[in-house]
Protein backbone atom coordinates (compact mmCIF):
# COMPACT_ATOMS: atom_id res chain seq x y z
CA MET A 1 110.98 75.69 120.87
CA LYS A 2 110.26 77.37 124.17
CA GLU A 3 109.71 75.10 127.17
CA SER A 4 106.72 77.10 128.38
CA LEU A 5 104.79 76.25 125.23
CA LYS A 6 105.45 72.53 125.55
CA LYS A 7 103.95 72.55 129.06
CA ASN A 8 100.88 74.57 128.17
CA LYS A 9 97.53 72.79 128.18
CA MET A 10 96.05 74.83 125.37
CA ILE A 11 92.96 74.05 123.38
CA ILE A 12 93.54 73.78 119.68
CA ILE A 13 90.45 73.18 117.59
CA ILE A 14 90.80 72.05 114.03
CA SER A 15 87.37 71.45 112.59
CA ILE A 16 86.62 70.40 109.07
CA LEU A 17 82.92 70.75 108.51
CA ILE A 18 81.52 68.71 105.65
CA LEU A 19 78.98 65.91 105.75
CA VAL A 20 77.80 64.79 102.31
CA VAL A 21 77.87 66.98 99.21
CA LEU A 22 76.22 65.97 95.95
CA LEU A 23 77.15 67.80 92.76
CA ILE A 24 75.42 67.53 89.42
CA GLY A 25 76.41 69.98 86.65
CA VAL A 26 75.08 70.86 83.23
CA THR A 27 75.97 68.68 80.28
CA PHE A 28 76.75 71.29 77.67
CA ALA A 29 80.03 73.17 77.06
CA TYR A 30 82.41 73.22 80.03
CA LEU A 31 81.19 71.90 83.38
CA VAL A 32 82.40 73.60 86.54
CA THR A 33 81.07 74.34 90.00
CA THR A 34 82.29 75.00 93.53
CA LEU A 35 81.33 73.12 96.68
CA THR A 36 81.66 74.91 100.00
CA GLY A 37 81.82 73.23 103.36
CA GLU A 38 78.20 73.56 104.30
CA LYS A 39 75.30 71.14 104.79
CA GLU A 40 73.67 71.69 101.44
CA TYR A 41 73.16 70.06 98.08
CA ILE A 42 73.86 71.69 94.73
CA VAL A 43 71.77 70.03 92.06
CA ARG A 44 71.45 70.90 88.38
CA ALA A 45 70.31 68.89 85.40
CA GLY A 46 73.11 66.97 83.74
CA SER A 47 75.55 64.14 84.09
CA LEU A 48 78.37 65.43 86.33
CA ASN A 49 77.78 63.70 89.65
CA LEU A 50 80.46 63.93 92.34
CA ILE A 51 79.90 62.68 95.89
CA LEU A 52 82.01 63.75 98.85
CA THR A 53 81.54 61.80 102.07
CA GLU A 54 83.13 62.38 105.45
CA ASN A 55 83.81 59.54 107.89
CA ASN A 56 84.70 61.57 110.97
CA GLU A 57 85.61 65.06 112.15
CA ILE A 58 88.94 66.35 113.47
CA THR A 59 88.70 67.98 116.87
CA LEU A 60 91.97 68.27 118.74
CA GLU A 61 91.81 69.52 122.31
CA GLY A 62 94.49 70.05 124.92
CA GLN A 63 97.21 69.50 122.37
CA ILE A 64 100.86 70.40 122.67
CA PRO A 65 103.44 70.54 119.88
CA GLN A 66 104.27 67.14 118.44
CA GLU A 67 107.08 65.45 116.58
CA ASP A 68 106.15 64.46 113.03
CA SER A 69 106.15 60.78 113.96
CA VAL A 70 103.47 61.43 116.60
CA GLY A 71 101.36 63.68 114.40
CA MET A 72 101.37 61.16 111.55
CA ALA A 73 100.22 58.40 113.92
CA GLN A 74 96.97 60.13 114.85
CA ASP A 75 93.64 59.00 113.37
CA GLY A 76 93.10 62.14 111.32
CA PHE A 77 90.12 63.24 109.27
CA THR A 78 88.98 60.78 106.61
CA PHE A 79 86.91 61.59 103.55
CA SER A 80 86.31 60.16 100.12
CA ILE A 81 85.42 61.55 96.71
CA GLU A 82 83.49 59.37 94.27
CA ASN A 83 82.39 59.98 90.68
CA LYS A 84 78.92 58.54 90.14
CA GLY A 85 78.22 60.49 86.95
CA ASP A 86 78.83 59.42 83.37
CA ILE A 87 81.78 61.65 82.45
CA GLU A 88 85.33 61.92 83.80
CA THR A 89 85.61 64.65 86.44
CA GLU A 90 88.53 66.69 87.71
CA TYR A 91 88.56 68.34 91.11
CA THR A 92 90.65 70.33 93.55
CA VAL A 93 90.28 70.06 97.33
CA TYR A 94 90.95 73.29 99.23
CA LEU A 95 91.28 73.91 102.98
CA ASP A 96 89.64 77.23 103.86
CA ASP A 97 89.65 79.24 107.07
CA ILE A 98 86.50 79.26 109.19
CA GLU A 99 85.52 82.51 110.86
CA LEU A 100 86.65 82.54 114.48
CA SER A 101 84.44 83.16 117.46
CA SER A 102 84.71 86.33 119.50
CA GLY A 103 87.86 86.34 121.59
CA GLU A 104 89.67 83.70 119.54
CA THR A 105 93.00 84.36 117.81
CA ARG A 106 93.95 82.42 114.69
CA MET A 107 97.05 80.27 114.75
CA PRO A 108 99.31 80.99 111.75
CA ASP A 109 99.84 78.28 109.16
CA SER A 110 103.57 78.40 109.92
CA ALA A 111 102.88 76.76 113.30
CA LEU A 112 101.20 73.69 111.78
CA ARG A 113 102.31 70.53 110.00
CA TYR A 114 100.24 68.07 108.01
CA SER A 115 100.30 64.77 106.17
CA LEU A 116 97.88 63.58 103.49
CA GLU A 117 97.18 59.90 102.98
CA LYS A 118 95.56 59.04 99.64
CA ASN A 119 94.27 55.57 98.84
CA GLU A 120 96.46 54.13 101.65
CA VAL A 121 99.61 55.84 100.30
CA VAL A 122 100.94 57.99 103.16
CA GLY A 123 102.48 61.31 102.16
CA ASN A 124 105.44 62.98 103.87
CA ALA A 125 105.00 65.44 106.72
CA LYS A 126 105.00 69.00 105.40
CA ASP A 127 104.52 72.55 106.61
CA LEU A 128 100.91 73.66 106.18
CA THR A 129 102.26 76.70 104.32
CA THR A 130 103.18 74.41 101.41
CA MET A 131 99.45 74.05 100.65
CA GLY A 132 99.35 77.74 99.73
CA VAL A 133 97.65 80.72 101.32
CA ASN A 134 93.97 80.91 102.30
CA PRO A 135 91.72 80.81 100.26
CA ASN A 136 94.08 78.92 97.94
CA ARG A 137 95.35 76.12 100.21
CA VAL A 138 95.35 73.11 97.90
CA VAL A 139 94.99 69.76 99.68
CA ASP A 140 94.97 67.74 96.47
CA SER A 141 94.02 67.87 92.78
CA ASP A 142 93.10 64.88 90.67
CA SER A 143 90.65 63.51 88.14
CA LEU A 144 88.23 60.61 88.52
CA PRO A 145 86.89 58.31 85.83
CA VAL A 146 83.29 57.18 85.95
CA ASP A 147 82.77 55.13 89.15
CA GLY A 148 86.25 56.14 90.33
CA LYS A 149 86.85 56.86 94.01
CA ASN A 150 89.67 58.42 96.03
CA THR A 151 89.88 58.04 99.80
CA TYR A 152 91.87 60.43 101.97
CA THR A 153 93.07 60.88 105.53
CA LEU A 154 94.25 64.37 106.46
CA ARG A 155 96.32 64.74 109.63
CA ILE A 156 97.17 68.16 111.08
CA TRP A 157 99.23 68.89 114.18
CA ILE A 158 101.18 71.67 115.87
CA ASP A 159 104.78 71.86 114.75
CA TYR A 160 107.18 70.70 117.45
CA ASP A 161 109.27 73.81 116.78
CA ALA A 162 106.37 76.27 116.95
CA THR A 163 107.05 79.21 119.25
CA THR A 164 104.90 80.43 122.11
CA GLU A 165 104.13 83.57 120.13
CA GLU A 166 102.88 81.50 117.18
CA ALA A 167 100.74 78.91 118.92
CA SER A 168 100.03 79.50 122.59
CA GLY A 169 96.35 80.14 123.26
CA LYS A 170 95.50 80.34 119.57
CA VAL A 171 93.18 78.24 117.43
CA PHE A 172 93.03 77.02 113.87
CA LYS A 173 89.67 76.26 112.26
CA ALA A 174 89.17 75.19 108.68
CA LYS A 175 86.74 73.48 106.32
CA LEU A 176 87.03 71.70 103.00
CA ARG A 177 85.99 73.24 99.70
CA ILE A 178 85.86 71.28 96.46
CA GLU A 179 86.04 72.78 92.98
CA ALA A 180 85.02 70.24 90.36
CA SER A 181 84.62 70.38 86.61
CA GLN A 182 84.49 68.36 83.46
CA VAL A 183 87.98 67.14 82.59
CA ARG A 184 89.73 69.58 80.27
CA GLY A 185 92.12 68.93 77.46
CA GLU A 186 93.20 65.73 75.76
CA PRO A 187 95.37 62.86 77.03
CA VAL A 188 99.07 63.49 76.40
CA ALA A 189 99.45 60.37 74.25
CA ASP A 190 96.54 61.38 72.00
CA VAL A 191 97.97 64.85 71.40
CA LEU A 192 101.43 63.52 70.55
CA LEU A 193 100.14 60.77 68.26
CA ALA A 194 98.09 63.36 66.37
CA GLY A 195 101.29 65.06 65.24
CA VAL A 196 104.66 66.36 66.42
CA GLY A 197 105.41 68.99 63.78
CA GLU A 198 107.39 69.06 60.58
CA ASN A 199 110.70 68.39 62.36
CA GLY A 200 109.46 65.21 63.99
CA ALA A 201 107.77 61.92 63.23
CA ILE A 202 106.11 58.94 64.92
CA ASN A 203 107.90 55.58 64.73
CA THR A 204 105.67 52.54 65.28
CA THR A 205 108.18 49.78 64.42
CA ASP A 206 108.65 48.73 68.04
CA PRO A 207 105.61 46.79 69.37
CA ASP A 208 106.19 47.94 72.94
CA GLN A 209 106.90 51.66 72.54
CA THR A 210 105.80 54.16 69.93
CA PHE A 211 108.78 56.50 69.58
CA ILE A 212 108.93 60.19 68.74
CA THR A 213 111.81 60.86 66.38
CA GLY A 214 113.38 63.75 64.49
CA THR A 215 115.60 66.78 64.89
CA ASP A 216 113.21 69.00 66.85
CA PRO A 217 109.66 67.64 67.17
CA ASN A 218 106.92 69.52 68.96
CA ASN A 219 107.19 67.39 72.09
CA TYR A 220 108.27 69.93 74.73
CA ILE A 221 106.33 69.66 78.00
CA TRP A 222 106.54 71.97 81.02
CA TYR A 223 105.91 70.17 84.30
CA SER A 224 106.95 70.95 87.88
CA GLY A 225 109.35 73.76 87.01
CA LYS A 226 111.24 71.80 84.37
CA LEU A 227 111.24 71.49 80.59
CA TRP A 228 110.80 67.90 79.39
CA ARG A 229 110.78 66.03 76.07
CA ALA A 230 108.24 63.31 75.35
CA VAL A 231 110.19 60.24 74.19
CA SER A 232 107.69 57.43 73.66
CA ILE A 233 104.20 56.10 74.33
CA ASP A 234 103.83 52.71 76.03
CA THR A 235 101.55 50.69 73.75
CA SER A 236 100.19 48.66 76.68
CA ASP A 237 98.73 51.54 78.70
CA ASN A 238 99.27 54.82 76.80
CA SER A 239 101.57 56.20 79.49
CA VAL A 240 104.13 58.67 78.10
CA LYS A 241 107.84 58.56 78.86
CA LEU A 242 109.50 61.95 79.45
CA VAL A 243 113.09 63.02 79.99
CA THR A 244 114.26 66.45 81.12
CA GLN A 245 115.60 68.66 78.35
CA TRP A 246 118.62 69.64 80.45
CA ASN A 247 120.92 68.08 83.03
CA ILE A 248 119.23 68.72 86.38
CA SER A 249 122.40 67.86 88.31
CA SER A 250 125.66 65.93 88.00
CA ILE A 251 126.50 63.02 90.29
CA THR A 252 128.50 59.84 90.61
CA TYR A 253 126.61 56.80 89.28
CA SER A 254 127.80 54.34 91.95
CA SER A 255 130.83 53.20 93.92
CA GLY A 256 131.79 50.93 91.03
CA SER A 257 128.87 48.67 90.24
CA THR A 258 127.13 49.15 86.91
CA ALA A 259 123.75 48.09 88.35
CA PHE A 260 121.15 50.84 88.41
CA GLU A 261 119.21 49.26 91.26
CA GLY A 262 120.80 50.30 94.53
CA SER A 263 123.05 52.89 92.87
CA TYR A 264 123.61 56.43 94.07
CA ILE A 265 121.83 57.71 91.00
CA GLU A 266 118.73 55.58 91.62
CA GLU A 267 118.65 56.83 95.21
CA TRP A 268 118.97 60.47 94.13
CA LEU A 269 116.25 60.15 91.49
CA ASN A 270 113.77 58.53 93.92
CA ASP A 271 114.72 60.37 97.10
CA THR A 272 111.49 61.87 98.49
CA SER A 273 113.29 64.23 100.87
CA VAL A 274 114.23 67.83 100.10
CA ASP A 275 117.61 66.54 98.83
CA GLY A 276 116.31 64.34 96.02
CA PHE A 277 114.55 64.65 92.71
CA LEU A 278 111.24 62.86 93.36
CA GLY A 279 110.54 64.71 96.59
CA ASN A 280 110.64 68.01 94.73
CA LEU A 281 108.28 67.01 91.91
CA ARG A 282 104.84 68.54 92.07
CA ASP A 283 102.04 66.16 93.21
CA TYR A 284 103.93 63.29 91.65
CA GLU A 285 101.37 60.74 92.86
CA ASN A 286 98.83 62.34 90.50
CA PHE A 287 101.10 62.71 87.48
CA ILE A 288 103.53 59.79 87.23
CA LYS A 289 103.43 55.99 87.31
CA LEU A 290 104.96 55.06 90.65
CA ASP A 291 105.38 51.45 89.51
CA SER A 292 107.28 52.30 86.32
CA VAL A 293 109.62 49.55 85.12
CA TRP A 294 113.06 50.50 83.75
CA ASN A 295 115.09 48.23 81.47
CA ALA A 296 118.65 48.31 82.81
CA THR A 297 119.88 45.30 80.81
CA GLU A 298 123.37 45.40 79.33
CA THR A 299 123.20 45.82 75.56
CA ALA A 300 124.91 47.23 72.50
CA ALA A 301 124.17 50.88 71.79
CA THR A 302 121.60 50.36 69.03
CA THR A 303 120.19 46.97 70.04
CA LYS A 304 116.89 46.66 71.87
CA PRO A 305 117.78 45.19 75.26
CA ALA A 306 116.34 41.92 76.48
CA GLU A 307 114.18 42.13 79.59
CA THR A 308 116.81 40.62 81.85
CA THR A 309 117.49 43.40 84.34
CA MET A 310 114.26 45.24 85.11
CA VAL A 311 114.01 47.79 87.92
CA THR A 312 110.73 49.12 89.35
CA ALA A 313 110.91 52.72 90.56
CA PRO A 314 108.98 55.97 90.02
CA VAL A 315 111.96 57.74 88.38
CA GLY A 316 114.67 56.30 86.17
CA LEU A 317 116.95 57.06 83.23
CA LEU A 318 116.62 56.41 79.51
CA ASN A 319 118.31 53.28 78.26
CA ILE A 320 120.70 53.72 75.37
CA TYR A 321 118.33 52.01 72.90
CA GLU A 322 115.62 54.58 73.68
CA TYR A 323 118.14 57.33 72.98
CA THR A 324 119.16 55.89 69.61
CA MET A 325 115.52 55.38 68.59
CA SER A 326 114.95 59.12 68.95
CA TYR A 327 117.13 59.83 65.92
CA SER A 328 115.84 57.08 63.68
CA GLY A 329 116.21 58.40 60.13
CA THR A 330 118.71 61.08 61.17
CA THR A 331 122.25 61.03 62.45
CA ASN A 332 122.79 60.79 66.20
CA SER A 333 124.23 64.29 66.37
CA ASN A 334 121.00 65.77 64.99
CA GLY A 335 118.46 63.86 67.09
CA TYR A 336 116.35 65.96 69.47
CA LEU A 337 117.66 64.14 72.55
CA ASN A 338 121.16 65.42 71.86
CA ASN A 339 121.16 68.43 74.18
CA GLY A 340 124.83 69.29 73.64
CA LEU A 341 125.82 67.93 77.05
CA GLU A 342 127.11 64.67 78.55
CA TRP A 343 124.68 62.55 80.58
CA TRP A 344 124.23 59.07 82.00
CA SER A 345 122.01 56.36 80.52
CA ILE A 346 120.75 53.41 82.57
CA THR A 347 122.53 50.87 80.33
CA PRO A 348 125.75 49.04 81.29
CA SER A 349 128.17 48.32 78.46
CA SER A 350 130.02 45.73 80.56
CA SER A 351 130.53 44.79 84.19
CA SER A 352 132.87 47.78 84.52
CA TYR A 353 131.33 50.61 82.47
CA VAL A 354 128.01 52.41 81.99
CA ARG A 355 126.93 53.96 78.71
CA PHE A 356 126.52 57.73 78.47
CA VAL A 357 125.79 60.28 75.74
CA LEU A 358 128.60 62.57 74.63
CA ASN A 359 128.08 66.30 74.15
CA TYR A 360 128.13 65.97 70.34
CA GLY A 361 125.51 63.20 70.37
CA SER A 362 127.46 59.99 70.04
CA THR A 363 127.54 57.37 72.81
CA SER A 364 130.41 56.04 74.87
CA SER A 365 131.09 54.29 78.21
CA TYR A 366 132.51 55.51 81.49
CA SER A 367 133.35 54.20 84.93
CA PRO A 368 130.34 54.46 87.26
CA SER A 369 132.60 55.95 89.94
CA GLY A 370 132.86 59.06 87.76
CA ALA A 371 130.32 61.89 87.62
CA LYS A 372 128.21 62.78 84.59
CA GLY A 373 125.07 64.80 84.06
CA VAL A 374 121.66 63.47 85.11
CA ARG A 375 118.52 63.74 82.96
CA PRO A 376 115.70 62.19 85.01
CA SER A 377 113.00 60.23 83.21
CA ILE A 378 109.41 59.63 84.31
CA ASN A 379 106.27 58.03 82.86
CA LEU A 380 103.16 60.22 82.84
CA LYS A 381 99.94 58.40 83.66
CA SER A 382 97.62 57.86 80.73
CA ASN A 383 94.92 60.11 82.25
CA VAL A 384 97.20 63.19 82.43
CA ARG A 385 95.92 65.78 79.97
CA ILE A 386 97.33 68.67 77.98
CA VAL A 387 95.39 71.90 78.46
CA ASP A 388 97.62 74.52 76.84
CA GLY A 389 100.64 75.08 74.60
CA ASP A 390 101.65 73.79 71.18
CA GLY A 391 104.67 71.63 72.11
CA THR A 392 107.32 74.06 70.89
CA ILE A 393 110.22 75.23 73.03
CA ASP A 394 108.70 78.71 73.41
CA ASN A 395 105.20 77.42 74.08
CA PRO A 396 105.55 73.93 75.63
CA TYR A 397 102.54 71.80 76.42
CA ARG A 398 101.05 72.49 79.85
CA LEU A 399 99.45 69.78 81.95
CA ASN A 400 96.12 69.86 83.73
CA GLY A 401 96.82 70.52 87.40
CA ASP A 402 100.09 72.34 86.68
CA ASN A 403 98.88 75.33 84.74
CA GLU A 404 97.91 78.13 87.13
CA LYS A 405 97.31 81.49 85.49
CA ASP A 406 97.09 83.81 88.50
CA LEU A 407 99.38 83.20 91.47
CA SER A 408 99.48 86.77 92.77
CA GLY A 409 99.68 86.80 96.55
CA THR A 410 100.91 83.20 96.77
CA LEU A 411 103.92 82.53 99.00
CA LEU A 412 107.01 81.65 96.99
CA ASN A 413 107.80 78.87 99.47
CA THR A 414 104.85 76.88 98.12
CA ARG A 415 106.32 76.62 94.62
CA TYR A 416 108.52 74.06 92.86
CA SER A 417 112.15 73.38 92.09
CA GLY A 418 113.17 74.73 88.71
CA GLU A 419 110.59 77.50 88.38
CA TYR A 420 111.99 80.80 87.11
CA ILE A 421 112.11 84.05 89.07
CA ARG A 422 112.77 87.61 87.99
CA PHE A 423 115.44 88.58 90.53
CA GLY A 424 118.56 90.70 90.13
CA THR A 425 119.30 93.24 87.40
CA GLY A 426 120.35 93.50 83.76
CA GLU A 427 121.85 90.37 82.24
CA ASN A 428 121.81 88.68 85.67
CA ASN A 429 118.11 89.09 86.39
CA LEU A 430 116.95 85.49 86.06
CA TYR A 431 117.02 82.94 88.92
CA ARG A 432 115.50 79.52 89.62
CA ILE A 433 114.04 77.80 92.66
CA VAL A 434 116.35 75.09 94.04
CA SER A 435 114.38 73.74 97.00
CA HIS A 436 112.92 74.66 100.37
CA GLU A 437 115.80 73.23 102.34
CA ASN A 438 115.32 75.35 105.45
CA GLY A 439 111.61 74.53 105.60
CA THR A 440 110.11 78.01 105.51
CA GLY A 441 112.16 79.93 102.96
CA THR A 442 113.05 79.36 99.34
CA LYS A 443 116.54 78.51 98.14
CA ILE A 444 117.29 79.99 94.72
CA THR A 445 120.25 80.19 92.38
CA SER A 446 121.09 82.26 89.31
CA ALA A 447 119.77 80.62 86.14
CA GLU A 448 123.31 80.69 84.75
CA PRO A 449 126.70 81.78 86.15
CA LEU A 450 127.08 85.54 86.57
CA LYS A 451 128.03 87.61 83.54
CA SER A 452 129.56 91.02 82.90
CA SER A 453 128.90 92.56 79.47
CA GLY A 454 128.09 89.12 78.09
CA THR A 455 131.23 87.43 79.46
CA PHE A 456 131.12 84.96 82.33
CA VAL A 457 132.54 86.31 85.60
CA THR A 458 135.25 84.04 87.00
CA SER A 459 136.91 83.80 90.39
CA THR A 460 139.43 81.65 92.18
CA PHE A 461 137.92 79.67 95.03
CA GLY A 462 140.48 80.90 97.54
CA SER A 463 143.55 79.83 99.48
CA ASN A 464 141.99 76.52 100.58
CA THR A 465 139.04 74.24 99.84
CA THR A 466 136.77 75.34 102.70
CA PHE A 467 134.11 77.83 101.67
CA SER A 468 133.43 80.79 103.95
CA SER A 469 132.54 84.46 103.62
CA ASP A 470 136.23 85.27 104.12
CA ILE A 471 137.66 83.12 101.34
CA THR A 472 138.04 84.75 97.88
CA ILE A 473 134.80 83.60 96.26
CA GLY A 474 132.85 83.87 99.52
CA ALA A 475 134.07 87.43 100.08
CA PHE A 476 132.98 88.36 96.55
CA LEU A 477 129.52 86.88 97.07
CA ASN A 478 128.96 88.44 100.50
CA ASN A 479 130.38 91.86 99.63
CA ASP A 480 130.67 92.84 95.96
CA TYR A 481 127.67 90.81 94.86
CA LEU A 482 125.51 92.40 97.60
CA ASN A 483 126.72 95.92 96.77
CA THR A 484 124.02 97.50 94.61
CA SER A 485 126.57 99.76 92.90
CA ASN A 486 128.01 96.67 91.19
CA GLY A 487 124.72 96.05 89.41
CA TYR A 488 123.92 92.49 90.46
CA LEU A 489 121.04 93.16 92.86
CA THR A 490 118.67 95.94 93.88
CA ASP A 491 117.88 97.09 97.42
CA GLU A 492 114.50 95.35 97.08
CA ASP A 493 116.23 92.08 96.14
CA ILE A 494 118.61 92.26 99.09
CA ALA A 495 115.74 92.92 101.51
CA MET A 496 114.23 89.55 100.54
CA ILE A 497 117.38 87.54 101.39
CA GLU A 498 117.78 85.75 104.72
CA ASP A 499 120.61 87.32 106.70
CA SER A 500 122.30 84.01 107.47
CA THR A 501 122.13 80.54 105.94
CA THR A 502 123.90 77.33 106.92
CA TRP A 503 125.98 75.92 104.06
CA TYR A 504 127.05 72.27 104.15
CA LEU A 505 130.66 71.54 103.22
CA GLY A 506 130.96 67.75 103.26
CA THR A 507 133.55 66.19 100.95
CA VAL A 508 132.46 64.17 97.89
CA GLY A 509 135.38 62.27 96.42
CA SER A 510 135.51 59.71 93.64
CA GLY A 511 132.97 56.88 93.74
CA VAL A 512 131.03 58.11 96.79
CA SER A 513 127.47 59.25 97.37
CA TYR A 514 126.16 62.74 96.69
CA LYS A 515 124.68 62.65 100.22
CA LEU A 516 128.11 63.09 101.80
CA ALA A 517 128.04 66.73 100.73
CA LYS A 518 125.44 67.27 103.47
CA TYR A 519 125.44 64.23 105.78
CA THR A 520 128.02 62.29 107.74
CA ASN A 521 127.00 59.05 106.00
CA THR A 522 124.39 57.74 103.58
CA THR A 523 122.01 56.05 106.02
CA ASP A 524 120.95 57.98 109.11
CA ASN A 525 120.76 61.58 107.79
CA ILE A 526 122.96 63.07 110.50
CA LEU A 527 124.07 66.45 109.19
CA THR A 528 127.76 67.01 108.65
CA SER A 529 129.60 69.19 111.14
CA SER A 530 131.52 70.75 108.23
CA VAL A 531 129.41 73.86 107.81
CA THR A 532 129.69 77.61 107.53
CA THR A 533 127.18 80.43 107.82
CA ALA A 534 126.90 83.24 105.30
CA LYS A 535 124.25 85.28 103.54
CA VAL A 536 125.28 84.06 100.08
CA GLY A 537 126.77 80.70 99.13
CA LEU A 538 127.00 78.22 96.28
CA LEU A 539 125.23 75.00 95.31
CA ARG A 540 126.53 71.62 96.53
CA MET A 541 127.59 68.86 94.20
CA GLY A 542 124.53 66.72 93.49
CA GLU A 543 122.08 69.39 94.53
CA LEU A 544 119.03 70.15 92.41
CA MET A 545 119.76 72.73 89.69
CA ALA A 546 123.52 71.99 89.95
CA GLY A 547 123.56 71.00 86.28
CA GLN A 548 123.88 72.75 82.92
CA PHE A 549 120.90 74.36 81.22
CA GLU A 550 122.37 75.37 77.89
CA ARG A 551 124.20 73.64 75.05
CA TYR A 552 127.96 73.14 75.32
CA ALA A 553 128.41 71.68 71.82
CA VAL A 554 126.85 72.94 68.63
CA LYS A 555 124.16 70.55 67.44
CA GLY A 556 125.46 68.41 64.63
CA GLY A 557 129.11 68.86 65.52
CA SER A 558 131.72 69.01 68.26
CA SER A 559 132.52 72.75 68.18
CA VAL A 560 131.63 74.61 71.37
CA THR A 561 128.94 77.24 71.70
CA GLY A 562 130.36 79.49 74.41
CA LEU A 563 126.99 79.32 76.15
CA THR A 564 128.26 77.43 79.20
CA THR A 565 131.22 77.60 81.54
CA ASN A 566 132.68 75.65 84.44
CA TYR A 567 131.29 76.92 87.74
CA TRP A 568 132.25 76.28 91.35
CA THR A 569 130.25 74.31 93.88
CA LEU A 570 131.11 74.61 97.57
CA THR A 571 131.85 70.86 97.88
CA PRO A 572 135.48 69.75 98.43
CA TYR A 573 136.74 66.79 96.39
CA THR A 574 139.86 66.34 98.53
CA SER A 575 141.82 68.59 100.85
CA SER A 576 143.46 70.11 97.78
CA HIS A 577 140.64 70.18 95.18
CA VAL A 578 137.09 71.55 94.96
CA ARG A 579 134.21 70.17 92.91
CA HIS A 580 132.93 72.18 89.96
CA VAL A 581 130.22 71.55 87.38
CA TYR A 582 132.00 71.15 84.07
CA LEU A 583 130.85 73.15 81.06
CA ASN A 584 129.87 69.94 79.20
CA GLY A 585 127.49 68.87 82.00
CA GLY A 586 129.58 66.48 84.07
CA ALA A 587 131.24 67.16 87.42
CA SER A 588 134.96 67.54 87.86
CA PHE A 589 137.38 69.16 90.32
CA SER A 590 140.23 71.63 90.34
CA PRO A 591 142.62 73.35 92.76
CA PRO A 592 141.09 76.32 94.58
CA SER A 593 143.64 78.57 92.86
CA ASN A 594 141.93 77.95 89.51
CA ALA A 595 139.33 80.39 88.17
CA ASN A 596 135.80 79.16 87.45
CA GLY A 597 132.37 80.70 87.02
CA VAL A 598 130.25 81.96 89.91
CA ARG A 599 126.62 80.88 90.40
CA PRO A 600 125.26 82.47 93.61
CA SER A 601 122.81 80.61 95.85
CA ILE A 602 120.71 82.35 98.49
CA ASN A 603 117.72 81.72 100.75
CA LEU A 604 114.77 84.06 100.37
CA LYS A 605 112.61 84.90 103.39
CA SER A 606 109.42 83.01 104.19
CA ASN A 607 107.22 86.07 103.57
CA VAL A 608 108.28 86.60 99.94
CA ILE A 609 105.18 86.49 97.74
CA ILE A 610 104.55 86.19 94.03
CA THR A 611 103.21 89.34 92.38
CA GLY A 612 103.02 88.11 88.78
CA GLY A 613 104.19 85.55 86.23
CA ASP A 614 103.70 81.80 86.03
CA GLY A 615 107.23 80.55 86.79
CA THR A 616 108.17 79.60 83.24
CA LEU A 617 111.19 80.86 81.33
CA GLN A 618 108.88 82.91 79.15
CA ASN A 619 107.03 84.45 82.12
CA PRO A 620 109.10 84.27 85.34
CA PHE A 621 107.62 85.02 88.75
CA THR A 622 107.94 88.58 90.00
CA LEU A 623 108.34 88.98 93.76
CA ALA A 624 107.78 91.27 96.73
CA LEU A 625 107.90 91.07 100.50
CA GLN A 626 104.49 90.43 102.05
């Protein structure tokens, strides 16, 4: 940022004006009310009784831009929310603009960073824009049981990289607003146990987990931009185990060890940065059990494992026993967890091999230094509720707190990995959010490799393994693909794309970490110097959405569907081979002279807004420039 801004002694006032707010709502029908940040009480007859108490006020004066480590060390603004009524209550905390005084100029959200601490769990530093746009900046959403209490500390500071134009001499003032209501819907476990449709059943033979079985039960759940299947209910706490329907990526399991704990795959699943799975899940602290325990004990394919090797982590993988229990009463090829692709389990078969599921539904073993598909698994908290949907693939269950109906005017850069976007034309008009890697924009990729008249477009990589806009596939992406006469994009689409993006070209060989595609090593997060700049690129190996999202094998057999194809990543395997995502869901490599599918990746500008849709496959977001 500019030196002149760092030296300025400006006055930045961030005031959050709430003392104590008492809410009591009516007892009949659906309870809902809104609390604004004013010194007043809202009282009605009934039993909904929510108390919000502040402990101090944020007033920052004479501040200069700060590194995240400094901003997160400040005292911050503390407040608590307590349910003293006699029914469970859900709420959303918003951060609203306060009207400025005469002569004041508002600082844009893009110049600010924040961190939210909840019940002594400190959240990562984020751009304030990720909360949303005023008046829809969401600080947090949760539900509280009777006598439940959540305590928060909100820290806000000026971004170290803010420009003089953004921040100098400007102010930011805001106040809290709480929207609270009676909890909607029914707990996920209760809905599933009540019935999973004629193509599914409930298996209660295991005392520890109640399994969902069958060929295609009504157990589809949409959460955080991804389609999941409910696998089982933990009988001890009614938490619900989910696994993604598709392979979210494809990575090497480990350098050779069959242990899940400490493996590359465990790191990727629980990485809270922009590069990992957990860090891109929506409000995961509210939805999933962070202390989930995963059984990674070596066992035979159909035998319930002993509790010898147990790993505690928020995100894990299914063990092979859980997979086989899903098709109890049917053959393995017809069970609902057979997605027609190959993917890792958490279960070793020996000291040298890890079990995985084959594309036609059987199980086998593979060296952990190889790369297979990854289907992350999580455990939903018992208090998470279903508020919409019927559990079918076309109308999956929707969860309370992840079911917005109207997002018009919301910045796309506040949304979540996996959500669908209407972008492009014709048969290539569907894209998905990958991440927000550059901080302010939104990285997206085509939902499937490009097609022409129903046939996958293929291209050689080029004369060498280093991606650039000059090499064969790079030239196609940065010329033909961007030429509206070729029918891939419209002028409006192209106007939303950042002119230049940095693409990381680190090498990922056999038995090494996915992180080497972007970093020099796996520990200190120093970015690789192997980079190129271009408007359009490709996904890296191990990146989110670098998986397969359609069946390779026909369910119930080994014949292929023609619905998938190999497609290039921009990650070298060696100096003579390039990584590609294989059509069966794993990752492989081939010489750059080979022809594979093309799945463009681009960064959209920070001022792209949502004009319609809800981000699902059935109703993708529509976009425009703000």
